[in-house]
Structure formats: C-alpha cells, structure tokens
Amino acid sequence: MPELDRPHSHQIIAPLKIGNHKACVNDNNIPFK
C-alpha cells in the first residue's frame, strides 16, 4: 500500500480532529470508530 509509504499521516489525522471524514483511517489503515 503506497498510501502508507507517503508522509501524509497528518492529512489523515487532522480531518478527524475537525470532525470531518468519519470514515478516515489512521496510520495503520484502521478505520476510526
């Protein structure tokens, strides 16, 4: 999975803190609940 190899973790975590993208995943590609 090239997605995990790219330095964009902050782009995955940030939306969750804002309240958007409920289906976003963390660095381990595990869907947040």
N, C-alpha and C. Protein backbone atom coordinates (compact mmCIF):
# COMPACT_ATOMS: atom_id res chain seq x y z
N MET A 1 0.83 -1.21 0.00
CA MET A 1 0.00 0.00 0.00
C MET A 1 0.86 1.26 0.00
N PRO A 2 1.02 1.90 -1.16
CA PRO A 2 1.86 3.10 -1.28
C PRO A 2 1.35 4.24 -0.42
N GLU A 3 0.07 4.21 -0.09
CA GLU A 3 -0.51 5.28 0.73
C GLU A 3 0.18 5.36 2.08
N LEU A 4 0.51 4.19 2.66
CA LEU A 4 1.13 4.16 3.97
C LEU A 4 2.59 4.57 3.89
N ASP A 5 3.14 4.56 2.68
CA ASP A 5 4.54 4.87 2.50
C ASP A 5 4.76 6.36 2.25
N ARG A 6 3.65 7.11 2.23
CA ARG A 6 3.76 8.55 1.96
C ARG A 6 3.58 9.34 3.26
N PRO A 7 4.35 10.41 3.44
CA PRO A 7 4.29 11.23 4.66
C PRO A 7 3.07 12.13 4.69
N HIS A 8 1.90 11.52 4.82
CA HIS A 8 0.68 12.32 4.82
C HIS A 8 -0.22 11.91 5.99
N SER A 9 0.40 11.37 7.04
CA SER A 9 -0.40 10.94 8.19
C SER A 9 -1.18 12.10 8.78
N HIS A 10 -0.54 13.29 8.79
CA HIS A 10 -1.21 14.45 9.38
C HIS A 10 -2.48 14.80 8.62
N GLN A 11 -2.48 14.49 7.32
CA GLN A 11 -3.66 14.77 6.49
C GLN A 11 -4.79 13.79 6.81
N ILE A 12 -4.43 12.65 7.42
CA ILE A 12 -5.45 11.65 7.78
C ILE A 12 -5.99 11.95 9.18
N ILE A 13 -5.10 12.32 10.09
CA ILE A 13 -5.49 12.58 11.48
C ILE A 13 -6.23 13.92 11.61
N ALA A 14 -5.74 14.94 10.93
CA ALA A 14 -6.31 16.29 11.04
C ALA A 14 -7.82 16.35 10.81
N PRO A 15 -8.33 15.77 9.71
CA PRO A 15 -9.78 15.84 9.44
C PRO A 15 -10.60 15.26 10.58
N LEU A 16 -10.07 14.25 11.26
CA LEU A 16 -10.81 13.62 12.36
C LEU A 16 -10.96 14.59 13.52
N LYS A 17 -9.90 15.37 13.77
CA LYS A 17 -9.93 16.34 14.87
C LYS A 17 -10.93 17.45 14.57
N ILE A 18 -11.09 17.75 13.30
CA ILE A 18 -12.01 18.82 12.89
C ILE A 18 -13.45 18.32 12.95
N GLY A 19 -13.64 17.02 12.73
CA GLY A 19 -14.98 16.45 12.79
C GLY A 19 -15.46 16.00 11.42
N ASN A 20 -14.60 16.14 10.40
CA ASN A 20 -14.96 15.70 9.05
C ASN A 20 -14.46 14.28 8.81
N HIS A 21 -14.91 13.67 7.72
CA HIS A 21 -14.40 12.35 7.34
C HIS A 21 -14.46 11.36 8.50
N LYS A 22 -15.64 10.94 8.86
CA LYS A 22 -15.79 9.96 9.94
C LYS A 22 -15.18 8.62 9.54
N ALA A 23 -15.04 8.41 8.23
CA ALA A 23 -14.53 7.12 7.75
C ALA A 23 -13.02 7.17 7.47
N CYS A 24 -12.35 8.20 7.97
CA CYS A 24 -10.91 8.30 7.77
C CYS A 24 -10.19 7.16 8.50
N VAL A 25 -8.97 6.89 8.09
CA VAL A 25 -8.21 5.83 8.73
C VAL A 25 -6.93 6.39 9.33
N ASN A 26 -6.38 5.67 10.32
CA ASN A 26 -5.14 6.14 10.95
C ASN A 26 -3.93 5.60 10.20
N ASP A 27 -2.72 5.76 10.76
CA ASP A 27 -1.50 5.33 10.09
C ASP A 27 -1.50 3.83 9.81
N ASN A 28 -2.23 3.07 10.63
CA ASN A 28 -2.26 1.61 10.47
C ASN A 28 -3.36 1.17 9.52
N ASN A 29 -4.00 2.16 8.88
CA ASN A 29 -5.07 1.86 7.92
C ASN A 29 -6.28 1.24 8.61
N ILE A 30 -6.45 1.54 9.90
CA ILE A 30 -7.59 1.01 10.65
C ILE A 30 -8.66 2.09 10.76
N PRO A 31 -9.87 1.83 10.27
CA PRO A 31 -10.96 2.81 10.33
C PRO A 31 -11.28 3.24 11.76
N PHE A 32 -11.36 4.54 11.98
CA PHE A 32 -11.70 5.05 13.31
C PHE A 32 -13.18 4.86 13.58
N LYS A 33 -13.52 4.68 14.87
CA LYS A 33 -14.94 4.49 15.20
C LYS A 33 -15.41 5.60 16.11
